[in-house]
Amino acid sequence: MFFKKRQKPEAPVVHATDEDFAELVERSAGVSIVDFWAPWCAPCRMMSPILDEIAIEYADAGVKVVKVNADVAPDSSERYGIRSIPTLIFFQDGEPLFEMVGPVPKPVLEREIDQLI
């Protein structure tokens, strides 16, 4: 007997570029977690499923996960002083609050988000 694998819900992750970063993050109400990443970055690829889970689990609380490919959006990366990836910047109502550099365990992200919402 074979069982069908249950499909995971698609994560509501938003992808931003230099052109729409201000609209998607800086003029956005609520909490946004911005992930500066690149496809060639192994730690960034490790963070991707964690951020997908965060996006799904916290969507009802108004938390938005925004991914910014640092290679494609150099102006946004430079504006926020991104020197290493992955870098997560937590925004609240369009204002940057703090950042985390490198891979971050899910419980640490959950703790920080829970303090903001």
PDB file of N, CA and C in Angstrom:
ATOM      1  N   MET A   1       0.849  -1.182   0.000  1.00  0.00           N
ATOM      2  CA  MET A   1       0.000   0.000   0.000  1.00  0.00           C
ATOM      3  C   MET A   1       0.891   1.239   0.000  1.00  0.00           C
ATOM      4  N   PHE A   2       0.536   2.194  -0.805  1.00  0.00           N
ATOM      5  CA  PHE A   2       1.300   3.430  -0.908  1.00  0.00           C
ATOM      6  C   PHE A   2       0.486   4.582  -0.338  1.00  0.00           C
ATOM      7  N   PHE A   3       1.188   5.488   0.267  1.00  0.00           N
ATOM      8  CA  PHE A   3       0.534   6.657   0.830  1.00  0.00           C
ATOM      9  C   PHE A   3       0.958   7.881   0.057  1.00  0.00           C
ATOM     10  N   LYS A   4       0.022   8.747  -0.135  1.00  0.00           N
ATOM     11  CA  LYS A   4       0.351  10.006  -0.788  1.00  0.00           C
ATOM     12  C   LYS A   4       1.057  10.907   0.208  1.00  0.00           C
ATOM     13  N   LYS A   5       2.092  11.511  -0.255  1.00  0.00           N
ATOM     14  CA  LYS A   5       2.807  12.457   0.592  1.00  0.00           C
ATOM     15  C   LYS A   5       1.990  13.741   0.670  1.00  0.00           C
ATOM     16  N   ARG A   6       1.793  14.201   1.884  1.00  0.00           N
ATOM     17  CA  ARG A   6       1.025  15.431   2.077  1.00  0.00           C
ATOM     18  C   ARG A   6       1.848  16.619   1.605  1.00  0.00           C
ATOM     19  N   GLN A   7       1.243  17.440   0.767  1.00  0.00           N
ATOM     20  CA  GLN A   7       1.952  18.608   0.269  1.00  0.00           C
ATOM     21  C   GLN A   7       2.020  19.676   1.348  1.00  0.00           C
ATOM     22  N   LYS A   8       3.205  20.285   1.439  1.00  0.00           N
ATOM     23  CA  LYS A   8       3.370  21.393   2.375  1.00  0.00           C
ATOM     24  C   LYS A   8       2.733  22.636   1.770  1.00  0.00           C
ATOM     25  N   PRO A   9       2.172  23.490   2.609  1.00  0.00           N
ATOM     26  CA  PRO A   9       1.634  24.737   2.065  1.00  0.00           C
ATOM     27  C   PRO A   9       2.774  25.603   1.534  1.00  0.00           C
ATOM     28  N   GLU A  10       2.473  26.348   0.509  1.00  0.00           N
ATOM     29  CA  GLU A  10       3.495  27.220  -0.060  1.00  0.00           C
ATOM     30  C   GLU A  10       3.734  28.399   0.875  1.00  0.00           C
ATOM     31  N   ALA A  11       5.001  28.659   1.124  1.00  0.00           N
ATOM     32  CA  ALA A  11       5.368  29.743   2.042  1.00  0.00           C
ATOM     33  C   ALA A  11       5.086  31.095   1.390  1.00  0.00           C
ATOM     34  N   PRO A  12       4.477  32.000   2.150  1.00  0.00           N
ATOM     35  CA  PRO A  12       4.184  33.338   1.607  1.00  0.00           C
ATOM     36  C   PRO A  12       5.400  34.268   1.669  1.00  0.00           C
ATOM     37  N   VAL A  13       6.529  33.804   1.148  1.00  0.00           N
ATOM     38  CA  VAL A  13       7.753  34.597   1.148  1.00  0.00           C
ATOM     39  C   VAL A  13       7.701  35.568  -0.037  1.00  0.00           C
ATOM     40  N   VAL A  14       8.082  36.807   0.222  1.00  0.00           N
ATOM     41  CA  VAL A  14       8.093  37.847  -0.805  1.00  0.00           C
ATOM     42  C   VAL A  14       9.530  38.044  -1.264  1.00  0.00           C
ATOM     43  N   HIS A  15       9.727  38.187  -2.566  1.00  0.00           N
ATOM     44  CA  HIS A  15      11.064  38.450  -3.110  1.00  0.00           C
ATOM     45  C   HIS A  15      11.129  39.910  -3.536  1.00  0.00           C
ATOM     46  N   ALA A  16      12.134  40.623  -3.019  1.00  0.00           N
ATOM     47  CA  ALA A  16      12.262  42.058  -3.285  1.00  0.00           C
ATOM     48  C   ALA A  16      13.511  42.343  -4.118  1.00  0.00           C
ATOM     49  N   THR A  17      13.435  43.427  -4.870  1.00  0.00           N
ATOM     50  CA  THR A  17      14.563  43.927  -5.646  1.00  0.00           C
ATOM     51  C   THR A  17      14.841  45.361  -5.208  1.00  0.00           C
ATOM     52  N   ASP A  18      15.855  45.969  -5.791  1.00  0.00           N
ATOM     53  CA  ASP A  18      16.124  47.380  -5.476  1.00  0.00           C
ATOM     54  C   ASP A  18      14.921  48.252  -5.815  1.00  0.00           C
ATOM     55  N   GLU A  19      14.208  47.898  -6.881  1.00  0.00           N
ATOM     56  CA  GLU A  19      13.091  48.725  -7.344  1.00  0.00           C
ATOM     57  C   GLU A  19      11.893  48.700  -6.400  1.00  0.00           C
ATOM     58  N   ASP A  20      11.627  47.563  -5.759  1.00  0.00           N
ATOM     59  CA  ASP A  20      10.426  47.492  -4.916  1.00  0.00           C
ATOM     60  C   ASP A  20      10.718  47.309  -3.425  1.00  0.00           C
ATOM     61  N   PHE A  21      11.983  47.418  -3.018  1.00  0.00           N
ATOM     62  CA  PHE A  21      12.343  47.225  -1.613  1.00  0.00           C
ATOM     63  C   PHE A  21      11.619  48.226  -0.704  1.00  0.00           C
ATOM     64  N   ALA A  22      11.622  49.492  -1.085  1.00  0.00           N
ATOM     65  CA  ALA A  22      10.982  50.517  -0.245  1.00  0.00           C
ATOM     66  C   ALA A  22       9.493  50.223  -0.056  1.00  0.00           C
ATOM     67  N   GLU A  23       8.830  49.840  -1.125  1.00  0.00           N
ATOM     68  CA  GLU A  23       7.400  49.556  -1.047  1.00  0.00           C
ATOM     69  C   GLU A  23       7.118  48.317  -0.196  1.00  0.00           C
ATOM     70  N   LEU A  24       7.924  47.272  -0.364  1.00  0.00           N
ATOM     71  CA  LEU A  24       7.665  46.007   0.326  1.00  0.00           C
ATOM     72  C   LEU A  24       8.130  45.990   1.780  1.00  0.00           C
ATOM     73  N   VAL A  25       9.123  46.831   2.113  1.00  0.00           N
ATOM     74  CA  VAL A  25       9.680  46.780   3.470  1.00  0.00           C
ATOM     75  C   VAL A  25       9.575  48.119   4.184  1.00  0.00           C
ATOM     76  N   GLU A  26      10.148  49.154   3.612  1.00  0.00           N
ATOM     77  CA  GLU A  26      10.262  50.441   4.313  1.00  0.00           C
ATOM     78  C   GLU A  26       8.931  51.159   4.490  1.00  0.00           C
ATOM     79  N   ARG A  27       7.968  50.903   3.622  1.00  0.00           N
ATOM     80  CA  ARG A  27       6.648  51.526   3.765  1.00  0.00           C
ATOM     81  C   ARG A  27       5.598  50.509   4.194  1.00  0.00           C
ATOM     82  N   SER A  28       6.066  49.431   4.813  1.00  0.00           N
ATOM     83  CA  SER A  28       5.183  48.341   5.214  1.00  0.00           C
ATOM     84  C   SER A  28       4.936  48.386   6.721  1.00  0.00           C
ATOM     85  N   ALA A  29       3.697  48.188   7.106  1.00  0.00           N
ATOM     86  CA  ALA A  29       3.355  48.146   8.534  1.00  0.00           C
ATOM     87  C   ALA A  29       3.615  46.740   9.060  1.00  0.00           C
ATOM     88  N   GLY A  30       3.892  46.665  10.342  1.00  0.00           N
ATOM     89  CA  GLY A  30       4.105  45.373  10.977  1.00  0.00           C
ATOM     90  C   GLY A  30       5.556  44.943  10.952  1.00  0.00           C
ATOM     91  N   VAL A  31       5.768  43.669  11.250  1.00  0.00           N
ATOM     92  CA  VAL A  31       7.109  43.111  11.338  1.00  0.00           C
ATOM     93  C   VAL A  31       7.492  42.477  10.003  1.00  0.00           C
ATOM     94  N   SER A  32       8.663  42.847   9.511  1.00  0.00           N
ATOM     95  CA  SER A  32       9.229  42.230   8.310  1.00  0.00           C
ATOM     96  C   SER A  32      10.607  41.697   8.657  1.00  0.00           C
ATOM     97  N   ILE A  33      10.867  40.478   8.231  1.00  0.00           N
ATOM     98  CA  ILE A  33      12.196  39.896   8.377  1.00  0.00           C
ATOM     99  C   ILE A  33      12.788  39.850   6.977  1.00  0.00           C
ATOM    100  N   VAL A  34      13.859  40.590   6.772  1.00  0.00           N
ATOM    101  CA  VAL A  34      14.477  40.673   5.453  1.00  0.00           C
ATOM    102  C   VAL A  34      15.729  39.805   5.454  1.00  0.00           C
ATOM    103  N   ASP A  35      15.753  38.857   4.532  1.00  0.00           N
ATOM    104  CA  ASP A  35      16.863  37.926   4.385  1.00  0.00           C
ATOM    105  C   ASP A  35      17.689  38.331   3.176  1.00  0.00           C
ATOM    106  N   PHE A  36      18.898  38.858   3.424  1.00  0.00           N
ATOM    107  CA  PHE A  36      19.835  39.134   2.337  1.00  0.00           C
ATOM    108  C   PHE A  36      20.608  37.843   2.098  1.00  0.00           C
ATOM    109  N   TRP A  37      20.534  37.320   0.885  1.00  0.00           N
ATOM    110  CA  TRP A  37      21.057  35.999   0.571  1.00  0.00           C
ATOM    111  C   TRP A  37      21.599  35.992  -0.853  1.00  0.00           C
ATOM    112  N   ALA A  38      22.144  34.843  -1.264  1.00  0.00           N
ATOM    113  CA  ALA A  38      22.554  34.615  -2.647  1.00  0.00           C
ATOM    114  C   ALA A  38      22.415  33.121  -2.934  1.00  0.00           C
ATOM    115  N   PRO A  39      22.102  32.758  -4.175  1.00  0.00           N
ATOM    116  CA  PRO A  39      21.890  31.347  -4.493  1.00  0.00           C
ATOM    117  C   PRO A  39      23.138  30.477  -4.336  1.00  0.00           C
ATOM    118  N   TRP A  40      24.305  31.047  -4.439  1.00  0.00           N
ATOM    119  CA  TRP A  40      25.555  30.288  -4.325  1.00  0.00           C
ATOM    120  C   TRP A  40      25.991  30.087  -2.875  1.00  0.00           C
ATOM    121  N   CYS A  41      25.298  30.684  -1.930  1.00  0.00           N
ATOM    122  CA  CYS A  41      25.683  30.676  -0.515  1.00  0.00           C
ATOM    123  C   CYS A  41      25.056  29.483   0.206  1.00  0.00           C
ATOM    124  N   ALA A  42      25.898  28.532   0.632  1.00  0.00           N
ATOM    125  CA  ALA A  42      25.397  27.329   1.310  1.00  0.00           C
ATOM    126  C   ALA A  42      24.651  27.643   2.613  1.00  0.00           C
ATOM    127  N   PRO A  43      25.176  28.517   3.504  1.00  0.00           N
ATOM    128  CA  PRO A  43      24.408  28.843   4.715  1.00  0.00           C
ATOM    129  C   PRO A  43      23.061  29.498   4.392  1.00  0.00           C
ATOM    130  N   CYS A  44      23.009  30.246   3.289  1.00  0.00           N
ATOM    131  CA  CYS A  44      21.737  30.857   2.882  1.00  0.00           C
ATOM    132  C   CYS A  44      20.736  29.776   2.504  1.00  0.00           C
ATOM    133  N   ARG A  45      21.198  28.759   1.805  1.00  0.00           N
ATOM    134  CA  ARG A  45      20.315  27.654   1.412  1.00  0.00           C
ATOM    135  C   ARG A  45      19.851  26.881   2.642  1.00  0.00           C
ATOM    136  N   MET A  46      20.692  26.809   3.669  1.00  0.00           N
ATOM    137  CA  MET A  46      20.284  26.154   4.925  1.00  0.00           C
ATOM    138  C   MET A  46      19.175  26.937   5.619  1.00  0.00           C
ATOM    139  N   MET A  47      19.204  28.253   5.513  1.00  0.00           N
ATOM    140  CA  MET A  47      18.217  29.106   6.178  1.00  0.00           C
ATOM    141  C   MET A  47      16.873  29.117   5.454  1.00  0.00           C
ATOM    142  N   SER A  48      16.871  28.825   4.173  1.00  0.00           N
ATOM    143  CA  SER A  48      15.660  28.949   3.371  1.00  0.00           C
ATOM    144  C   SER A  48      14.473  28.152   3.912  1.00  0.00           C
ATOM    145  N   PRO A  49      14.615  26.847   4.232  1.00  0.00           N
ATOM    146  CA  PRO A  49      13.445  26.132   4.759  1.00  0.00           C
ATOM    147  C   PRO A  49      12.992  26.643   6.126  1.00  0.00           C
ATOM    148  N   ILE A  50      13.921  27.132   6.920  1.00  0.00           N
ATOM    149  CA  ILE A  50      13.560  27.696   8.228  1.00  0.00           C
ATOM    150  C   ILE A  50      12.715  28.949   8.029  1.00  0.00           C
ATOM    151  N   LEU A  51      13.137  29.808   7.108  1.00  0.00           N
ATOM    152  CA  LEU A  51      12.391  31.043   6.845  1.00  0.00           C
ATOM    153  C   LEU A  51      11.040  30.742   6.206  1.00  0.00           C
ATOM    154  N   ASP A  52      10.975  29.693   5.374  1.00  0.00           N
ATOM    155  CA  ASP A  52       9.685  29.285   4.815  1.00  0.00           C
ATOM    156  C   ASP A  52       8.720  28.887   5.935  1.00  0.00           C
ATOM    157  N   GLU A  53       9.209  28.115   6.908  1.00  0.00           N
ATOM    158  CA  GLU A  53       8.366  27.712   8.038  1.00  0.00           C
ATOM    159  C   GLU A  53       7.925  28.923   8.853  1.00  0.00           C
ATOM    160  N   ILE A  54       8.847  29.846   9.095  1.00  0.00           N
ATOM    161  CA  ILE A  54       8.513  31.069   9.840  1.00  0.00           C
ATOM    162  C   ILE A  54       7.432  31.849   9.089  1.00  0.00           C
ATOM    163  N   ALA A  55       7.586  31.970   7.771  1.00  0.00           N
ATOM    164  CA  ALA A  55       6.607  32.712   6.964  1.00  0.00           C
ATOM    165  C   ALA A  55       5.219  32.097   7.082  1.00  0.00           C
ATOM    166  N   ILE A  56       5.148  30.776   7.069  1.00  0.00           N
ATOM    167  CA  ILE A  56       3.858  30.096   7.172  1.00  0.00           C
ATOM    168  C   ILE A  56       3.281  30.240   8.585  1.00  0.00           C
ATOM    169  N   GLU A  57       4.101  29.967   9.587  1.00  0.00           N
ATOM    170  CA  GLU A  57       3.622  29.941  10.969  1.00  0.00           C
ATOM    171  C   GLU A  57       3.252  31.319  11.509  1.00  0.00           C
ATOM    172  N   TYR A  58       3.892  32.371  11.018  1.00  0.00           N
ATOM    173  CA  TYR A  58       3.637  33.711  11.556  1.00  0.00           C
ATOM    174  C   TYR A  58       2.846  34.607  10.605  1.00  0.00           C
ATOM    175  N   ALA A  59       2.359  34.059   9.501  1.00  0.00           N
ATOM    176  CA  ALA A  59       1.595  34.864   8.535  1.00  0.00           C
ATOM    177  C   ALA A  59       0.357  35.472   9.176  1.00  0.00           C
ATOM    178  N   ASP A  60      -0.346  34.697  10.001  1.00  0.00           N
ATOM    179  CA  ASP A  60      -1.562  35.206  10.644  1.00  0.00           C
ATOM    180  C   ASP A  60      -1.267  36.314  11.650  1.00  0.00           C
ATOM    181  N   ALA A  61      -0.023  36.373  12.142  1.00  0.00           N
ATOM    182  CA  ALA A  61       0.367  37.424  13.086  1.00  0.00           C
ATOM    183  C   ALA A  61       0.860  38.674  12.349  1.00  0.00           C
ATOM    184  N   GLY A  62       0.831  38.638  11.023  1.00  0.00           N
ATOM    185  CA  GLY A  62       1.241  39.805  10.243  1.00  0.00           C
ATOM    186  C   GLY A  62       2.732  39.913   9.997  1.00  0.00           C
ATOM    187  N   VAL A  63       3.476  38.851  10.274  1.00  0.00           N
ATOM    188  CA  VAL A  63       4.922  38.868  10.039  1.00  0.00           C
ATOM    189  C   VAL A  63       5.172  38.503   8.585  1.00  0.00           C
ATOM    190  N   LYS A  64       5.998  39.310   7.929  1.00  0.00           N
ATOM    191  CA  LYS A  64       6.313  39.093   6.525  1.00  0.00           C
ATOM    192  C   LYS A  64       7.786  38.741   6.391  1.00  0.00           C
ATOM    193  N   VAL A  65       8.071  37.687   5.621  1.00  0.00           N
ATOM    194  CA  VAL A  65       9.452  37.307   5.309  1.00  0.00           C
ATOM    195  C   VAL A  65       9.741  37.784   3.891  1.00  0.00           C
ATOM    196  N   VAL A  66      10.801  38.593   3.772  1.00  0.00           N
ATOM    197  CA  VAL A  66      11.188  39.158   2.483  1.00  0.00           C
ATOM    198  C   VAL A  66      12.607  38.699   2.170  1.00  0.00           C
ATOM    199  N   LYS A  67      12.793  38.108   0.996  1.00  0.00           N
ATOM    200  CA  LYS A  67      14.121  37.662   0.583  1.00  0.00           C
ATOM    201  C   LYS A  67      14.666  38.635  -0.454  1.00  0.00           C
ATOM    202  N   VAL A  68      15.933  39.027  -0.252  1.00  0.00           N
ATOM    203  CA  VAL A  68      16.607  39.951  -1.179  1.00  0.00           C
ATOM    204  C   VAL A  68      17.889  39.277  -1.639  1.00  0.00           C
ATOM    205  N   ASN A  69      17.945  38.957  -2.920  1.00  0.00           N
ATOM    206  CA  ASN A  69      19.163  38.382  -3.496  1.00  0.00           C
ATOM    207  C   ASN A  69      20.196  39.503  -3.571  1.00  0.00           C
ATOM    208  N   ALA A  70      21.243  39.388  -2.769  1.00  0.00           N
ATOM    209  CA  ALA A  70      22.252  40.454  -2.674  1.00  0.00           C
ATOM    210  C   ALA A  70      22.962  40.695  -3.997  1.00  0.00           C
ATOM    211  N   ASP A  71      23.043  39.680  -4.844  1.00  0.00           N
ATOM    212  CA  ASP A  71      23.675  39.858  -6.154  1.00  0.00           C
ATOM    213  C   ASP A  71      22.796  40.642  -7.109  1.00  0.00           C
ATOM    214  N   VAL A  72      21.489  40.512  -6.956  1.00  0.00           N
ATOM    215  CA  VAL A  72      20.540  41.165  -7.852  1.00  0.00           C
ATOM    216  C   VAL A  72      20.141  42.548  -7.338  1.00  0.00           C
ATOM    217  N   ALA A  73      20.263  42.777  -6.033  1.00  0.00           N
ATOM    218  CA  ALA A  73      19.860  44.046  -5.419  1.00  0.00           C
ATOM    219  C   ALA A  73      21.044  44.683  -4.688  1.00  0.00           C
ATOM    220  N   PRO A  74      22.077  45.102  -5.430  1.00  0.00           N
ATOM    221  CA  PRO A  74      23.265  45.650  -4.771  1.00  0.00           C
ATOM    222  C   PRO A  74      23.019  46.975  -4.042  1.00  0.00           C
ATOM    223  N   ASP A  75      22.087  47.776  -4.530  1.00  0.00           N
ATOM    224  CA  ASP A  75      21.823  49.065  -3.877  1.00  0.00           C
ATOM    225  C   ASP A  75      21.229  48.874  -2.482  1.00  0.00           C
ATOM    226  N   SER A  76      20.266  47.967  -2.365  1.00  0.00           N
ATOM    227  CA  SER A  76      19.668  47.696  -1.051  1.00  0.00           C
ATOM    228  C   SER A  76      20.698  47.080  -0.117  1.00  0.00           C
ATOM    229  N   SER A  77      21.520  46.185  -0.651  1.00  0.00           N
ATOM    230  CA  SER A  77      22.565  45.555   0.165  1.00  0.00           C
ATOM    231  C   SER A  77      23.552  46.596   0.671  1.00  0.00           C
ATOM    232  N   GLU A  78      23.940  47.509  -0.195  1.00  0.00           N
ATOM    233  CA  GLU A  78      24.894  48.549   0.203  1.00  0.00           C
ATOM    234  C   GLU A  78      24.262  49.510   1.206  1.00  0.00           C
ATOM    235  N   ARG A  79      23.006  49.844   0.985  1.00  0.00           N
ATOM    236  CA  ARG A  79      22.305  50.788   1.860  1.00  0.00           C
ATOM    237  C   ARG A  79      22.255  50.298   3.306  1.00  0.00           C
ATOM    238  N   TYR A  80      22.109  48.981   3.475  1.00  0.00           N
ATOM    239  CA  TYR A  80      22.032  48.421   4.822  1.00  0.00           C
ATOM    240  C   TYR A  80      23.343  47.794   5.285  1.00  0.00           C
ATOM    241  N   GLY A  81      24.408  48.070   4.548  1.00  0.00           N
ATOM    242  CA  GLY A  81      25.745  47.657   4.979  1.00  0.00           C
ATOM    243  C   GLY A  81      25.944  46.150   5.033  1.00  0.00           C
ATOM    244  N   ILE A  82      25.358  45.446   4.092  1.00  0.00           N
ATOM    245  CA  ILE A  82      25.489  43.983   4.080  1.00  0.00           C
ATOM    246  C   ILE A  82      26.902  43.622   3.642  1.00  0.00           C
ATOM    247  N   ARG A  83      27.644  42.974   4.516  1.00  0.00           N
ATOM    248  CA  ARG A  83      29.024  42.566   4.240  1.00  0.00           C
ATOM    249  C   ARG A  83      29.177  41.057   4.221  1.00  0.00           C
ATOM    250  N   SER A  84      28.192  40.361   4.810  1.00  0.00           N
ATOM    251  CA  SER A  84      28.236  38.913   4.894  1.00  0.00           C
ATOM    252  C   SER A  84      26.811  38.398   4.755  1.00  0.00           C
ATOM    253  N   ILE A  85      26.680  37.235   4.117  1.00  0.00           N
ATOM    254  CA  ILE A  85      25.350  36.646   3.972  1.00  0.00           C
ATOM    255  C   ILE A  85      25.382  35.225   4.510  1.00  0.00           C
ATOM    256  N   PRO A  86      24.282  34.745   5.028  1.00  0.00           N
ATOM    257  CA  PRO A  86      23.005  35.430   5.137  1.00  0.00           C
ATOM    258  C   PRO A  86      23.013  36.479   6.251  1.00  0.00           C
ATOM    259  N   THR A  87      22.325  37.558   6.000  1.00  0.00           N
ATOM    260  CA  THR A  87      22.073  38.582   7.020  1.00  0.00           C
ATOM    261  C   THR A  87      20.564  38.783   7.090  1.00  0.00           C
ATOM    262  N   LEU A  88      20.029  38.675   8.289  1.00  0.00           N
ATOM    263  CA  LEU A  88      18.604  38.933   8.529  1.00  0.00           C
ATOM    264  C   LEU A  88      18.482  40.278   9.227  1.00  0.00           C
ATOM    265  N   ILE A  89      17.654  41.151   8.687  1.00  0.00           N
ATOM    266  CA  ILE A  89      17.366  42.426   9.344  1.00  0.00           C
ATOM    267  C   ILE A  89      15.886  42.422   9.710  1.00  0.00           C
ATOM    268  N   PHE A  90      15.613  42.694  10.968  1.00  0.00           N
ATOM    269  CA  PHE A  90      14.244  42.750  11.471  1.00  0.00           C
ATOM    270  C   PHE A  90      13.768  44.200  11.394  1.00  0.00           C
ATOM    271  N   PHE A  91      12.650  44.410  10.719  1.00  0.00           N
ATOM    272  CA  PHE A  91      12.040  45.733  10.583  1.00  0.00           C
ATOM    273  C   PHE A  91      10.702  45.730  11.309  1.00  0.00           C
ATOM    274  N   GLN A  92      10.376  46.869  11.894  1.00  0.00           N
ATOM    275  CA  GLN A  92       9.033  47.050  12.446  1.00  0.00           C
ATOM    276  C   GLN A  92       8.515  48.377  11.937  1.00  0.00           C
ATOM    277  N   ASP A  93       7.368  48.313  11.253  1.00  0.00           N
ATOM    278  CA  ASP A  93       6.762  49.498  10.634  1.00  0.00           C
ATOM    279  C   ASP A  93       7.761  50.250   9.767  1.00  0.00           C
ATOM    280  N   GLY A  94       8.561  49.512   9.011  1.00  0.00           N
ATOM    281  CA  GLY A  94       9.492  50.104   8.061  1.00  0.00           C
ATOM    282  C   GLY A  94      10.821  50.552   8.622  1.00  0.00           C
ATOM    283  N   GLU A  95      10.992  50.435   9.926  1.00  0.00           N
ATOM    284  CA  GLU A  95      12.249  50.867  10.564  1.00  0.00           C
ATOM    285  C   GLU A  95      13.093  49.649  10.938  1.00  0.00           C
ATOM    286  N   PRO A  96      14.378  49.646  10.550  1.00  0.00           N
ATOM    287  CA  PRO A  96      15.234  48.526  10.939  1.00  0.00           C
ATOM    288  C   PRO A  96      15.502  48.549  12.435  1.00  0.00           C
ATOM    289  N   LEU A  97      15.348  47.396  13.080  1.00  0.00           N
ATOM    290  CA  LEU A  97      15.553  47.296  14.520  1.00  0.00           C
ATOM    291  C   LEU A  97      16.903  46.680  14.856  1.00  0.00           C
ATOM    292  N   PHE A  98      17.183  45.517  14.282  1.00  0.00           N
ATOM    293  CA  PHE A  98      18.446  44.827  14.558  1.00  0.00           C
ATOM    294  C   PHE A  98      18.691  43.805  13.458  1.00  0.00           C
ATOM    295  N   GLU A  99      19.907  43.261  13.439  1.00  0.00           N
ATOM    296  CA  GLU A  99      20.237  42.269  12.428  1.00  0.00           C
ATOM    297  C   GLU A  99      20.926  41.071  13.060  1.00  0.00           C
ATOM    298  N   MET A 100      20.872  39.967  12.332  1.00  0.00           N
ATOM    299  CA  MET A 100      21.551  38.731  12.710  1.00  0.00           C
ATOM    300  C   MET A 100      22.327  38.274  11.482  1.00  0.00           C
ATOM    301  N   VAL A 101      23.597  37.938  11.684  1.00  0.00           N
ATOM    302  CA  VAL A 101      24.453  37.526  10.575  1.00  0.00           C
ATOM    303  C   VAL A 101      24.803  36.054  10.733  1.00  0.00           C
ATOM    304  N   GLY A 102      24.698  35.322   9.635  1.00  0.00           N
ATOM    305  CA  GLY A 102      24.999  33.901   9.650  1.00  0.00           C
ATOM    306  C   GLY A 102      23.740  33.079   9.864  1.00  0.00           C
ATOM    307  N   PRO A 103      23.886  31.757   9.819  1.00  0.00           N
ATOM    308  CA  PRO A 103      22.723  30.894  10.037  1.00  0.00           C
ATOM    309  C   PRO A 103      22.192  31.051  11.465  1.00  0.00           C
ATOM    310  N   VAL A 104      20.875  31.117  11.578  1.00  0.00           N
ATOM    311  CA  VAL A 104      20.232  31.319  12.883  1.00  0.00           C
ATOM    312  C   VAL A 104      19.250  30.173  13.111  1.00  0.00           C
ATOM    313  N   PRO A 105      19.319  29.508  14.258  1.00  0.00           N
ATOM    314  CA  PRO A 105      18.368  28.420  14.542  1.00  0.00           C
ATOM    315  C   PRO A 105      16.934  28.954  14.647  1.00  0.00           C
ATOM    316  N   LYS A 106      15.990  28.130  14.255  1.00  0.00           N
ATOM    317  CA  LYS A 106      14.580  28.519  14.283  1.00  0.00           C
ATOM    318  C   LYS A 106      14.114  28.985  15.659  1.00  0.00           C
ATOM    319  N   PRO A 107      14.484  28.301  16.772  1.00  0.00           N
ATOM    320  CA  PRO A 107      14.021  28.780  18.086  1.00  0.00           C
ATOM    321  C   PRO A 107      14.492  30.206  18.405  1.00  0.00           C
ATOM    322  N   VAL A 108      15.655  30.584  17.933  1.00  0.00           N
ATOM    323  CA  VAL A 108      16.151  31.945  18.168  1.00  0.00           C
ATOM    324  C   VAL A 108      15.296  32.941  17.380  1.00  0.00           C
ATOM    325  N   LEU A 109      14.982  32.616  16.132  1.00  0.00           N
ATOM    326  CA  LEU A 109      14.115  33.484  15.341  1.00  0.00           C
ATOM    327  C   LEU A 109      12.740  33.614  15.978  1.00  0.00           C
ATOM    328  N   GLU A 110      12.187  32.498  16.434  1.00  0.00           N
ATOM    329  CA  GLU A 110      10.867  32.524  17.065  1.00  0.00           C
ATOM    330  C   GLU A 110      10.869  33.395  18.316  1.00  0.00           C
ATOM    331  N   ARG A 111      11.928  33.290  19.107  1.00  0.00           N
ATOM    332  CA  ARG A 111      12.022  34.104  20.328  1.00  0.00           C
ATOM    333  C   ARG A 111      12.024  35.592  19.978  1.00  0.00           C
ATOM    334  N   GLU A 112      12.807  35.968  18.979  1.00  0.00           N
ATOM    335  CA  GLU A 112      12.887  37.382  18.594  1.00  0.00           C
ATOM    336  C   GLU A 112      11.561  37.884  18.017  1.00  0.00           C
ATOM    337  N   ILE A 113      10.938  37.074  17.179  1.00  0.00           N
ATOM    338  CA  ILE A 113       9.664  37.470  16.598  1.00  0.00           C
ATOM    339  C   ILE A 113       8.602  37.610  17.678  1.00  0.00           C
ATOM    340  N   ASP A 114       8.555  36.661  18.599  1.00  0.00           N
ATOM    341  CA  ASP A 114       7.566  36.708  19.671  1.00  0.00           C
ATOM    342  C   ASP A 114       7.695  37.964  20.526  1.00  0.00           C
ATOM    343  N   GLN A 115       8.893  38.490  20.649  1.00  0.00           N
ATOM    344  CA  GLN A 115       9.076  39.726  21.402  1.00  0.00           C
ATOM    345  C   GLN A 115       8.589  40.955  20.630  1.00  0.00           C
ATOM    346  N   LEU A 116       8.502  40.834  19.298  1.00  0.00           N
ATOM    347  CA  LEU A 116       8.095  41.971  18.483  1.00  0.00           C
ATOM    348  C   LEU A 116       6.591  42.020  18.221  1.00  0.00           C
ATOM    349  N   ILE A 117       5.935  40.875  18.290  1.00  0.00           N
ATOM    350  CA  ILE A 117       4.488  40.879  17.953  1.00  0.00           C
ATOM    351  C   ILE A 117       3.635  40.901  19.203  1.00  0.00           C
TER     352      ILE A 117
END
